[in-house]
Amino acid sequence: MSILIDEESRVLVQGITGKEGSFHTRAMIDYGTEVVGGVTPGKGGETLGEVPVFDSVRQALREVGPLAATVIFVPPSFAADAVLEAADNEIPLIVCITEHIPTHDTMRVKHYLQGYGSSLLVGPNGPGLISPGRSKVGIMPGDIFRRGKVGIVSRSGTLTYEIASLFSEAGLGQSTVLGIGGDQIRGISFVEALKRFERDRETSLIVLVGEIGGSEEEKAARYFKRNSLDTPVISYIAGFSAPRGKRMGHAGAIASKEEGTAEAKANTMEKNGIPVARIPGELIELARAKLE
């Protein structure tokens, strides 16, 4: 099994005719993802290969039927409206790849989804997700992943690839790899990802990849201990050498003098029963110890 997507997931691409949208649509199709349609206002009636393009999400749903997910490659100024359009049409999973979305736009989207929508948002500013050998929705390079029983959830895109590659080379395949995004305000959290991996019968180990800034890693650690999860969790926190008070890479990756540092996060996680690697390579040793 896997979480959120599988080989039967029918996917829509919003922003399909743009440079990024068209490139990654072809890559998803080549991987085996069932992309059934795309949306670009004003370009309805066109096609990308065999994929029909529609003017709106509503029109796409009328023509191609129910969808499991949509992935958004829309410029920052319009990305929030694209998410809301998908949510209004009750698409269960919305994966927003777009970065540099204004914070107030993301706040508006999150408020709507929490109060009125039933859709789950992944991102923004993330690589999406992949269930190796089944489907990928987003921009992850499919060739580095292997099918297996390790679930990975991460705030960092590039670091996700590095860690997944280490696990694949060590013969430890993945059930699902999920990038939750690096912005301060985003959709799915570490805690929600832990819940879903815990329910997945094929996930035997969860790897949580965090970074400086915010408190989501600590919340996940406390949730893990408080709920006595059966699935073991290990972690890596990026930024042990990062200077305090300076943003490092992501908008959400900034540590103050009092909180948000890698060391503080690691201490909290270890106190709650989650071992933390100090370098990515140590994750393999921790994984094998837990799996054995």
C-alpha atoms as a PDB file:
ATOM      1  CA  MET A   1       0.000   0.000   0.000  1.00  0.00           C
ATOM      2  CA  SER A   2       0.963   3.677   0.219  1.00  0.00           C
ATOM      3  CA  ILE A   3      -0.464   6.937   1.479  1.00  0.00           C
ATOM      4  CA  LEU A   4      -2.434   9.539  -0.501  1.00  0.00           C
ATOM      5  CA  ILE A   5      -1.728   8.149  -4.003  1.00  0.00           C
ATOM      6  CA  ASP A   6      -1.411   4.784  -5.719  1.00  0.00           C
ATOM      7  CA  GLU A   7      -1.410   3.337  -9.230  1.00  0.00           C
ATOM      8  CA  GLU A   8      -5.146   3.963  -9.598  1.00  0.00           C
ATOM      9  CA  SER A   9      -5.018   7.678  -8.719  1.00  0.00           C
ATOM     10  CA  ARG A  10      -6.450   9.835 -11.510  1.00  0.00           C
ATOM     11  CA  VAL A  11      -4.617  13.165 -11.655  1.00  0.00           C
ATOM     12  CA  LEU A  12      -5.321  16.622 -13.073  1.00  0.00           C
ATOM     13  CA  VAL A  13      -2.590  19.185 -13.844  1.00  0.00           C
ATOM     14  CA  GLN A  14      -3.433  22.873 -13.349  1.00  0.00           C
ATOM     15  CA  GLY A  15      -1.087  25.018 -15.412  1.00  0.00           C
ATOM     16  CA  ILE A  16      -0.384  22.135 -17.780  1.00  0.00           C
ATOM     17  CA  THR A  17       0.622  24.225 -20.800  1.00  0.00           C
ATOM     18  CA  GLY A  18       3.337  26.255 -19.065  1.00  0.00           C
ATOM     19  CA  LYS A  19       7.012  25.323 -19.284  1.00  0.00           C
ATOM     20  CA  GLU A  20       7.162  23.627 -15.870  1.00  0.00           C
ATOM     21  CA  GLY A  21       3.703  22.142 -16.095  1.00  0.00           C
ATOM     22  CA  SER A  22       4.224  20.522 -19.485  1.00  0.00           C
ATOM     23  CA  PHE A  23       7.694  19.200 -18.614  1.00  0.00           C
ATOM     24  CA  HIS A  24       6.640  17.578 -15.364  1.00  0.00           C
ATOM     25  CA  THR A  25       3.365  16.296 -16.800  1.00  0.00           C
ATOM     26  CA  ARG A  26       5.360  14.293 -19.336  1.00  0.00           C
ATOM     27  CA  ALA A  27       7.652  13.047 -16.561  1.00  0.00           C
ATOM     28  CA  MET A  28       4.677  11.946 -14.448  1.00  0.00           C
ATOM     29  CA  ILE A  29       3.131  10.111 -17.401  1.00  0.00           C
ATOM     30  CA  ASP A  30       6.443   8.421 -18.190  1.00  0.00           C
ATOM     31  CA  TYR A  31       6.595   7.247 -14.570  1.00  0.00           C
ATOM     32  CA  GLY A  32       3.151   5.677 -14.857  1.00  0.00           C
ATOM     33  CA  THR A  33       0.945   8.330 -13.260  1.00  0.00           C
ATOM     34  CA  GLU A  34      -2.573   8.376 -14.684  1.00  0.00           C
ATOM     35  CA  VAL A  35      -2.800  12.012 -15.811  1.00  0.00           C
ATOM     36  CA  VAL A  36      -6.291  12.341 -17.275  1.00  0.00           C
ATOM     37  CA  GLY A  37      -6.497  16.063 -17.982  1.00  0.00           C
ATOM     38  CA  GLY A  38      -5.078  19.524 -17.569  1.00  0.00           C
ATOM     39  CA  VAL A  39      -6.342  23.053 -17.003  1.00  0.00           C
ATOM     40  CA  THR A  40      -5.173  26.336 -18.535  1.00  0.00           C
ATOM     41  CA  PRO A  41      -7.810  29.075 -18.856  1.00  0.00           C
ATOM     42  CA  GLY A  42      -8.184  30.110 -22.486  1.00  0.00           C
ATOM     43  CA  LYS A  43      -6.553  26.982 -23.878  1.00  0.00           C
ATOM     44  CA  GLY A  44      -9.416  24.558 -23.561  1.00  0.00           C
ATOM     45  CA  GLY A  45      -9.619  22.191 -26.525  1.00  0.00           C
ATOM     46  CA  GLU A  46      -5.847  21.846 -26.883  1.00  0.00           C
ATOM     47  CA  THR A  47      -3.952  18.705 -25.902  1.00  0.00           C
ATOM     48  CA  LEU A  48      -0.578  17.857 -24.407  1.00  0.00           C
ATOM     49  CA  GLY A  49       0.202  14.614 -26.154  1.00  0.00           C
ATOM     50  CA  GLU A  50      -2.966  12.625 -25.489  1.00  0.00           C
ATOM     51  CA  VAL A  51      -3.939  14.653 -22.405  1.00  0.00           C
ATOM     52  CA  PRO A  52      -6.913  16.987 -23.019  1.00  0.00           C
ATOM     53  CA  VAL A  53      -6.710  20.583 -21.791  1.00  0.00           C
ATOM     54  CA  PHE A  54      -9.731  22.367 -20.301  1.00  0.00           C
ATOM     55  CA  ASP A  55     -10.536  25.960 -19.380  1.00  0.00           C
ATOM     56  CA  SER A  56     -11.561  25.160 -15.798  1.00  0.00           C
ATOM     57  CA  VAL A  57     -11.455  22.455 -13.146  1.00  0.00           C
ATOM     58  CA  ARG A  58     -15.241  22.143 -13.281  1.00  0.00           C
ATOM     59  CA  GLN A  59     -15.154  21.512 -17.017  1.00  0.00           C
ATOM     60  CA  ALA A  60     -12.387  18.927 -16.560  1.00  0.00           C
ATOM     61  CA  LEU A  61     -14.453  17.055 -13.977  1.00  0.00           C
ATOM     62  CA  ARG A  62     -17.472  17.017 -16.306  1.00  0.00           C
ATOM     63  CA  GLU A  63     -15.398  15.596 -19.148  1.00  0.00           C
ATOM     64  CA  VAL A  64     -12.996  13.151 -17.464  1.00  0.00           C
ATOM     65  CA  GLY A  65     -14.901  12.160 -14.338  1.00  0.00           C
ATOM     66  CA  PRO A  66     -13.776  11.845 -10.689  1.00  0.00           C
ATOM     67  CA  LEU A  67     -10.220  12.734  -9.708  1.00  0.00           C
ATOM     68  CA  ALA A  68      -7.999  11.627  -6.847  1.00  0.00           C
ATOM     69  CA  ALA A  69      -5.600  14.564  -7.047  1.00  0.00           C
ATOM     70  CA  THR A  70      -4.598  17.737  -8.809  1.00  0.00           C
ATOM     71  CA  VAL A  71      -1.103  19.197  -9.055  1.00  0.00           C
ATOM     72  CA  ILE A  72      -0.616  22.936  -9.473  1.00  0.00           C
ATOM     73  CA  PHE A  73       2.052  24.550 -11.666  1.00  0.00           C
ATOM     74  CA  VAL A  74       0.543  28.029 -11.653  1.00  0.00           C
ATOM     75  CA  PRO A  75       2.495  31.323 -11.193  1.00  0.00           C
ATOM     76  CA  PRO A  76       2.554  32.679  -7.617  1.00  0.00           C
ATOM     77  CA  SER A  77       0.043  35.474  -8.232  1.00  0.00           C
ATOM     78  CA  PHE A  78      -2.626  32.995  -9.316  1.00  0.00           C
ATOM     79  CA  ALA A  79      -1.694  29.879  -7.335  1.00  0.00           C
ATOM     80  CA  ALA A  80      -4.008  30.558  -4.387  1.00  0.00           C
ATOM     81  CA  ASP A  81      -6.998  30.907  -6.703  1.00  0.00           C
ATOM     82  CA  ALA A  82      -6.009  27.647  -8.402  1.00  0.00           C
ATOM     83  CA  VAL A  83      -5.976  25.866  -5.026  1.00  0.00           C
ATOM     84  CA  LEU A  84      -9.353  27.349  -4.115  1.00  0.00           C
ATOM     85  CA  GLU A  85     -10.823  26.327  -7.478  1.00  0.00           C
ATOM     86  CA  ALA A  86      -9.696  22.742  -6.854  1.00  0.00           C
ATOM     87  CA  ALA A  87     -11.071  22.826  -3.309  1.00  0.00           C
ATOM     88  CA  ASP A  88     -14.419  24.253  -4.460  1.00  0.00           C
ATOM     89  CA  ASN A  89     -14.675  21.248  -6.771  1.00  0.00           C
ATOM     90  CA  GLU A  90     -13.861  18.888  -3.896  1.00  0.00           C
ATOM     91  CA  ILE A  91     -10.754  17.269  -5.334  1.00  0.00           C
ATOM     92  CA  PRO A  92      -9.486  15.179  -2.388  1.00  0.00           C
ATOM     93  CA  LEU A  93      -5.753  15.900  -2.759  1.00  0.00           C
ATOM     94  CA  ILE A  94      -4.274  19.222  -3.910  1.00  0.00           C
ATOM     95  CA  VAL A  95      -0.512  19.294  -4.491  1.00  0.00           C
ATOM     96  CA  CYS A  96       0.835  22.832  -4.919  1.00  0.00           C
ATOM     97  CA  ILE A  97       4.367  22.981  -6.308  1.00  0.00           C
ATOM     98  CA  THR A  98       4.479  26.771  -6.752  1.00  0.00           C
ATOM     99  CA  GLU A  99       6.967  28.720  -4.624  1.00  0.00           C
ATOM    100  CA  HIS A 100       7.018  32.418  -3.661  1.00  0.00           C
ATOM    101  CA  ILE A 101       3.257  32.553  -3.061  1.00  0.00           C
ATOM    102  CA  PRO A 102       2.465  35.657  -0.955  1.00  0.00           C
ATOM    103  CA  THR A 103       1.977  34.702   2.691  1.00  0.00           C
ATOM    104  CA  HIS A 104      -1.434  36.375   2.953  1.00  0.00           C
ATOM    105  CA  ASP A 105      -2.611  34.291  -0.019  1.00  0.00           C
ATOM    106  CA  THR A 106      -1.553  31.067   1.693  1.00  0.00           C
ATOM    107  CA  MET A 107      -3.258  32.196   4.902  1.00  0.00           C
ATOM    108  CA  ARG A 108      -6.469  32.758   2.962  1.00  0.00           C
ATOM    109  CA  VAL A 109      -6.254  29.280   1.440  1.00  0.00           C
ATOM    110  CA  LYS A 110      -5.504  27.570   4.740  1.00  0.00           C
ATOM    111  CA  HIS A 111      -8.390  29.341   6.486  1.00  0.00           C
ATOM    112  CA  TYR A 112     -10.774  28.223   3.754  1.00  0.00           C
ATOM    113  CA  LEU A 113      -9.608  24.607   3.833  1.00  0.00           C
ATOM    114  CA  GLN A 114      -9.818  24.435   7.623  1.00  0.00           C
ATOM    115  CA  GLY A 115     -13.272  25.950   7.817  1.00  0.00           C
ATOM    116  CA  TYR A 116     -15.086  24.921   4.682  1.00  0.00           C
ATOM    117  CA  GLY A 117     -13.113  22.604   2.418  1.00  0.00           C
ATOM    118  CA  SER A 118     -12.679  18.841   2.500  1.00  0.00           C
ATOM    119  CA  SER A 119      -9.517  18.757   0.383  1.00  0.00           C
ATOM    120  CA  LEU A 120      -6.049  18.005   1.739  1.00  0.00           C
ATOM    121  CA  LEU A 121      -3.312  20.423   0.624  1.00  0.00           C
ATOM    122  CA  VAL A 122       0.299  19.331   0.142  1.00  0.00           C
ATOM    123  CA  GLY A 123       2.646  22.314  -0.109  1.00  0.00           C
ATOM    124  CA  PRO A 124       3.047  24.952  -1.370  1.00  0.00           C
ATOM    125  CA  ASN A 125       6.739  25.246  -2.239  1.00  0.00           C
ATOM    126  CA  GLY A 126       7.375  21.512  -2.156  1.00  0.00           C
ATOM    127  CA  PRO A 127       8.249  18.678  -4.536  1.00  0.00           C
ATOM    128  CA  GLY A 128       4.974  16.774  -4.139  1.00  0.00           C
ATOM    129  CA  LEU A 129       4.958  13.059  -3.411  1.00  0.00           C
ATOM    130  CA  ILE A 130       5.777   9.677  -4.872  1.00  0.00           C
ATOM    131  CA  SER A 131       4.732   6.126  -4.117  1.00  0.00           C
ATOM    132  CA  PRO A 132       7.581   4.254  -5.861  1.00  0.00           C
ATOM    133  CA  GLY A 133       6.507   1.907  -8.614  1.00  0.00           C
ATOM    134  CA  ARG A 134       2.947   3.191  -8.413  1.00  0.00           C
ATOM    135  CA  SER A 135       2.553   6.907  -9.059  1.00  0.00           C
ATOM    136  CA  LYS A 136       4.160  10.295  -8.576  1.00  0.00           C
ATOM    137  CA  VAL A 137       2.466  13.670  -8.330  1.00  0.00           C
ATOM    138  CA  GLY A 138       4.931  16.535  -8.532  1.00  0.00           C
ATOM    139  CA  ILE A 139       8.545  17.010  -9.506  1.00  0.00           C
ATOM    140  CA  MET A 140      10.479  14.258  -7.707  1.00  0.00           C
ATOM    141  CA  PRO A 141      13.022  12.410  -9.913  1.00  0.00           C
ATOM    142  CA  GLY A 142      11.485   8.949 -10.054  1.00  0.00           C
ATOM    143  CA  ASP A 143      14.652   6.979 -10.810  1.00  0.00           C
ATOM    144  CA  ILE A 144      16.182   7.394  -7.319  1.00  0.00           C
ATOM    145  CA  PHE A 145      13.268   5.783  -5.458  1.00  0.00           C
ATOM    146  CA  ARG A 146      12.660   2.099  -4.827  1.00  0.00           C
ATOM    147  CA  ARG A 147       9.517   0.351  -3.670  1.00  0.00           C
ATOM    148  CA  GLY A 148       9.644  -0.754  -0.043  1.00  0.00           C
ATOM    149  CA  LYS A 149       8.419  -0.149   3.504  1.00  0.00           C
ATOM    150  CA  VAL A 150      10.085   3.103   4.600  1.00  0.00           C
ATOM    151  CA  GLY A 151       7.874   6.186   4.661  1.00  0.00           C
ATOM    152  CA  ILE A 152       9.671   9.539   4.337  1.00  0.00           C
ATOM    153  CA  VAL A 153       8.175  12.953   5.114  1.00  0.00           C
ATOM    154  CA  SER A 154      10.275  16.073   4.669  1.00  0.00           C
ATOM    155  CA  ARG A 155      10.246  19.874   4.647  1.00  0.00           C
ATOM    156  CA  SER A 156      13.123  20.011   2.151  1.00  0.00           C
ATOM    157  CA  GLY A 157      12.921  18.973  -1.484  1.00  0.00           C
ATOM    158  CA  THR A 158      16.561  18.436  -2.400  1.00  0.00           C
ATOM    159  CA  LEU A 159      17.383  16.857   0.958  1.00  0.00           C
ATOM    160  CA  THR A 160      14.481  14.466   0.419  1.00  0.00           C
ATOM    161  CA  TYR A 161      16.110  13.242  -2.771  1.00  0.00           C
ATOM    162  CA  GLU A 162      19.477  12.781  -1.077  1.00  0.00           C
ATOM    163  CA  ILE A 163      18.033  10.797   1.807  1.00  0.00           C
ATOM    164  CA  ALA A 164      15.762   8.674  -0.387  1.00  0.00           C
ATOM    165  CA  SER A 165      18.759   7.894  -2.593  1.00  0.00           C
ATOM    166  CA  LEU A 166      20.760   6.773   0.464  1.00  0.00           C
ATOM    167  CA  PHE A 167      17.944   4.449   1.494  1.00  0.00           C
ATOM    168  CA  SER A 168      17.566   3.041  -2.019  1.00  0.00           C
ATOM    169  CA  GLU A 169      21.299   2.361  -2.290  1.00  0.00           C
ATOM    170  CA  ALA A 170      21.150   0.587   1.085  1.00  0.00           C
ATOM    171  CA  GLY A 171      18.357  -1.679  -0.150  1.00  0.00           C
ATOM    172  CA  LEU A 172      15.676   0.060   1.928  1.00  0.00           C
ATOM    173  CA  GLY A 173      12.841   0.969  -0.412  1.00  0.00           C
ATOM    174  CA  GLN A 174      10.062   3.440   0.272  1.00  0.00           C
ATOM    175  CA  SER A 175       6.278   3.128   0.602  1.00  0.00           C
ATOM    176  CA  THR A 176       5.620   6.837   0.017  1.00  0.00           C
ATOM    177  CA  VAL A 177       7.897   9.873   0.041  1.00  0.00           C
ATOM    178  CA  LEU A 178       6.116  13.119   0.869  1.00  0.00           C
ATOM    179  CA  GLY A 179       7.430  16.684   0.691  1.00  0.00           C
ATOM    180  CA  ILE A 180       5.273  18.949   2.837  1.00  0.00           C
ATOM    181  CA  GLY A 181       6.910  22.190   1.647  1.00  0.00           C
ATOM    182  CA  GLY A 182       9.237  24.750   3.128  1.00  0.00           C
ATOM    183  CA  ASP A 183       6.995  27.787   3.616  1.00  0.00           C
ATOM    184  CA  GLN A 184       5.991  29.073   7.032  1.00  0.00           C
ATOM    185  CA  ILE A 185       2.321  28.434   6.259  1.00  0.00           C
ATOM    186  CA  ARG A 186       1.465  25.228   4.439  1.00  0.00           C
ATOM    187  CA  GLY A 187      -1.010  22.391   4.174  1.00  0.00           C
ATOM    188  CA  ILE A 188      -0.341  18.911   5.526  1.00  0.00           C
ATOM    189  CA  SER A 189       1.818  18.835   8.666  1.00  0.00           C
ATOM    190  CA  PHE A 190       4.258  16.316  10.099  1.00  0.00           C
ATOM    191  CA  VAL A 191       1.592  15.170  12.570  1.00  0.00           C
ATOM    192  CA  GLU A 192      -0.949  14.492   9.819  1.00  0.00           C
ATOM    193  CA  ALA A 193       1.706  12.612   7.832  1.00  0.00           C
ATOM    194  CA  LEU A 194       2.530  10.465  10.886  1.00  0.00           C
ATOM    195  CA  LYS A 195      -1.156   9.594  11.280  1.00  0.00           C
ATOM    196  CA  ARG A 196      -1.409   8.444   7.689  1.00  0.00           C
ATOM    197  CA  PHE A 197       1.814   6.432   7.719  1.00  0.00           C
ATOM    198  CA  GLU A 198       0.743   4.783  10.987  1.00  0.00           C
ATOM    199  CA  ARG A 199      -2.415   3.525   9.265  1.00  0.00           C
ATOM    200  CA  ASP A 200      -0.519   2.174   6.241  1.00  0.00           C
ATOM    201  CA  ARG A 201       0.075  -1.584   6.583  1.00  0.00           C
ATOM    202  CA  GLU A 202       3.138  -1.547   4.321  1.00  0.00           C
ATOM    203  CA  THR A 203       5.011   1.232   6.130  1.00  0.00           C
ATOM    204  CA  SER A 204       7.312  -0.331   8.741  1.00  0.00           C
ATOM    205  CA  LEU A 205       9.431   2.747   9.514  1.00  0.00           C
ATOM    206  CA  ILE A 206       8.885   6.510   9.236  1.00  0.00           C
ATOM    207  CA  VAL A 207      11.716   8.941   8.510  1.00  0.00           C
ATOM    208  CA  LEU A 208      10.989  12.542   9.474  1.00  0.00           C
ATOM    209  CA  VAL A 209      13.283  15.093   7.790  1.00  0.00           C
ATOM    210  CA  GLY A 210      13.056  18.501   9.438  1.00  0.00           C
ATOM    211  CA  GLU A 211      14.985  21.741   9.458  1.00  0.00           C
ATOM    212  CA  ILE A 212      15.436  24.808  11.616  1.00  0.00           C
ATOM    213  CA  GLY A 213      12.546  27.168  12.282  1.00  0.00           C
ATOM    214  CA  GLY A 214       9.013  26.632  13.496  1.00  0.00           C
ATOM    215  CA  SER A 215       7.853  23.951  15.905  1.00  0.00           C
ATOM    216  CA  GLU A 216       6.314  21.225  13.735  1.00  0.00           C
ATOM    217  CA  GLU A 217       9.059  18.725  14.474  1.00  0.00           C
ATOM    218  CA  GLU A 218       8.513  19.122  18.215  1.00  0.00           C
ATOM    219  CA  LYS A 219       4.742  18.758  17.794  1.00  0.00           C
ATOM    220  CA  ALA A 220       5.295  15.556  15.837  1.00  0.00           C
ATOM    221  CA  ALA A 221       7.600  14.187  18.523  1.00  0.00           C
ATOM    222  CA  ARG A 222       5.076  14.858  21.276  1.00  0.00           C
ATOM    223  CA  TYR A 223       2.297  13.342  19.182  1.00  0.00           C
ATOM    224  CA  PHE A 224       4.421  10.228  18.616  1.00  0.00           C
ATOM    225  CA  LYS A 225       4.989   9.697  22.330  1.00  0.00           C
ATOM    226  CA  ARG A 226       1.534  10.728  23.530  1.00  0.00           C
ATOM    227  CA  ASN A 227      -0.193   8.337  21.138  1.00  0.00           C
ATOM    228  CA  SER A 228       2.333   5.479  21.486  1.00  0.00           C
ATOM    229  CA  LEU A 229       2.562   4.893  17.744  1.00  0.00           C
ATOM    230  CA  ASP A 230       3.382   1.324  16.728  1.00  0.00           C
ATOM    231  CA  THR A 231       5.417   2.376  13.693  1.00  0.00           C
ATOM    232  CA  PRO A 232       8.928   3.466  14.732  1.00  0.00           C
ATOM    233  CA  VAL A 233      10.144   6.932  13.733  1.00  0.00           C
ATOM    234  CA  ILE A 234      13.677   8.217  13.157  1.00  0.00           C
ATOM    235  CA  SER A 235      14.706  11.721  12.137  1.00  0.00           C
ATOM    236  CA  TYR A 236      17.266  14.062  10.665  1.00  0.00           C
ATOM    237  CA  ILE A 237      17.215  17.822  11.287  1.00  0.00           C
ATOM    238  CA  ALA A 238      19.034  20.044   8.803  1.00  0.00           C
ATOM    239  CA  GLY A 239      20.819  23.103  10.141  1.00  0.00           C
ATOM    240  CA  PHE A 240      22.976  22.128  13.118  1.00  0.00           C
ATOM    241  CA  SER A 241      25.580  24.675  12.002  1.00  0.00           C
ATOM    242  CA  ALA A 242      23.128  27.387  10.894  1.00  0.00           C
ATOM    243  CA  PRO A 243      23.543  30.844  12.526  1.00  0.00           C
ATOM    244  CA  ARG A 244      20.593  31.916  14.641  1.00  0.00           C
ATOM    245  CA  GLY A 245      18.313  34.655  13.353  1.00  0.00           C
ATOM    246  CA  LYS A 246      19.211  34.110   9.682  1.00  0.00           C
ATOM    247  CA  ARG A 247      16.903  32.463   7.181  1.00  0.00           C
ATOM    248  CA  MET A 248      18.479  29.427   5.556  1.00  0.00           C
ATOM    249  CA  GLY A 249      16.917  28.466   2.225  1.00  0.00           C
ATOM    250  CA  HIS A 250      13.211  28.174   2.983  1.00  0.00           C
ATOM    251  CA  ALA A 251      10.987  30.955   4.227  1.00  0.00           C
ATOM    252  CA  GLY A 252      10.209  28.845   7.278  1.00  0.00           C
ATOM    253  CA  ALA A 253      13.823  27.947   8.020  1.00  0.00           C
ATOM    254  CA  ILE A 254      14.846  30.567  10.551  1.00  0.00           C
ATOM    255  CA  ALA A 255      15.813  29.944  14.164  1.00  0.00           C
ATOM    256  CA  SER A 256      15.590  32.539  16.929  1.00  0.00           C
ATOM    257  CA  LYS A 257      17.889  32.749  19.925  1.00  0.00           C
ATOM    258  CA  GLU A 258      15.415  30.837  22.073  1.00  0.00           C
ATOM    259  CA  GLU A 259      13.798  28.265  19.817  1.00  0.00           C
ATOM    260  CA  GLY A 260      13.728  26.602  16.430  1.00  0.00           C
ATOM    261  CA  THR A 261      17.367  25.479  16.389  1.00  0.00           C
ATOM    262  CA  ALA A 262      18.343  22.044  15.140  1.00  0.00           C
ATOM    263  CA  GLU A 263      19.796  21.128  18.525  1.00  0.00           C
ATOM    264  CA  ALA A 264      16.634  22.146  20.380  1.00  0.00           C
ATOM    265  CA  LYS A 265      14.491  20.162  17.973  1.00  0.00           C
ATOM    266  CA  ALA A 266      16.767  17.121  18.253  1.00  0.00           C
ATOM    267  CA  ASN A 267      16.660  17.248  22.054  1.00  0.00           C
ATOM    268  CA  THR A 268      12.865  17.352  22.074  1.00  0.00           C
ATOM    269  CA  MET A 269      12.594  14.499  19.611  1.00  0.00           C
ATOM    270  CA  GLU A 270      15.039  12.295  21.477  1.00  0.00           C
ATOM    271  CA  LYS A 271      13.250  12.965  24.769  1.00  0.00           C
ATOM    272  CA  ASN A 272      10.070  11.733  23.113  1.00  0.00           C
ATOM    273  CA  GLY A 273      11.615   8.532  21.782  1.00  0.00           C
ATOM    274  CA  ILE A 274      12.680   9.549  18.262  1.00  0.00           C
ATOM    275  CA  PRO A 275      16.419   9.101  17.576  1.00  0.00           C
ATOM    276  CA  VAL A 276      17.986  11.885  15.500  1.00  0.00           C
ATOM    277  CA  ALA A 277      20.865  11.525  13.054  1.00  0.00           C
ATOM    278  CA  ARG A 278      23.456  14.318  13.015  1.00  0.00           C
ATOM    279  CA  ILE A 279      24.395  13.617   9.386  1.00  0.00           C
ATOM    280  CA  PRO A 280      22.166  12.013   6.723  1.00  0.00           C
ATOM    281  CA  GLY A 281      24.291   8.875   6.468  1.00  0.00           C
ATOM    282  CA  GLU A 282      23.562   7.986  10.090  1.00  0.00           C
ATOM    283  CA  LEU A 283      19.907   7.465   9.182  1.00  0.00           C
ATOM    284  CA  ILE A 284      20.732   4.124   7.565  1.00  0.00           C
ATOM    285  CA  GLU A 285      22.223   2.779  10.794  1.00  0.00           C
ATOM    286  CA  LEU A 286      19.251   4.043  12.803  1.00  0.00           C
ATOM    287  CA  ALA A 287      16.826   2.552  10.268  1.00  0.00           C
ATOM    288  CA  ARG A 288      18.410  -0.872  10.322  1.00  0.00           C
ATOM    289  CA  ALA A 289      18.432  -0.899  14.115  1.00  0.00           C
ATOM    290  CA  LYS A 290      14.711  -0.104  14.237  1.00  0.00           C
ATOM    291  CA  LEU A 291      13.763  -2.555  11.493  1.00  0.00           C
ATOM    292  CA  GLU A 292      15.690  -5.369  13.134  1.00  0.00           C
END
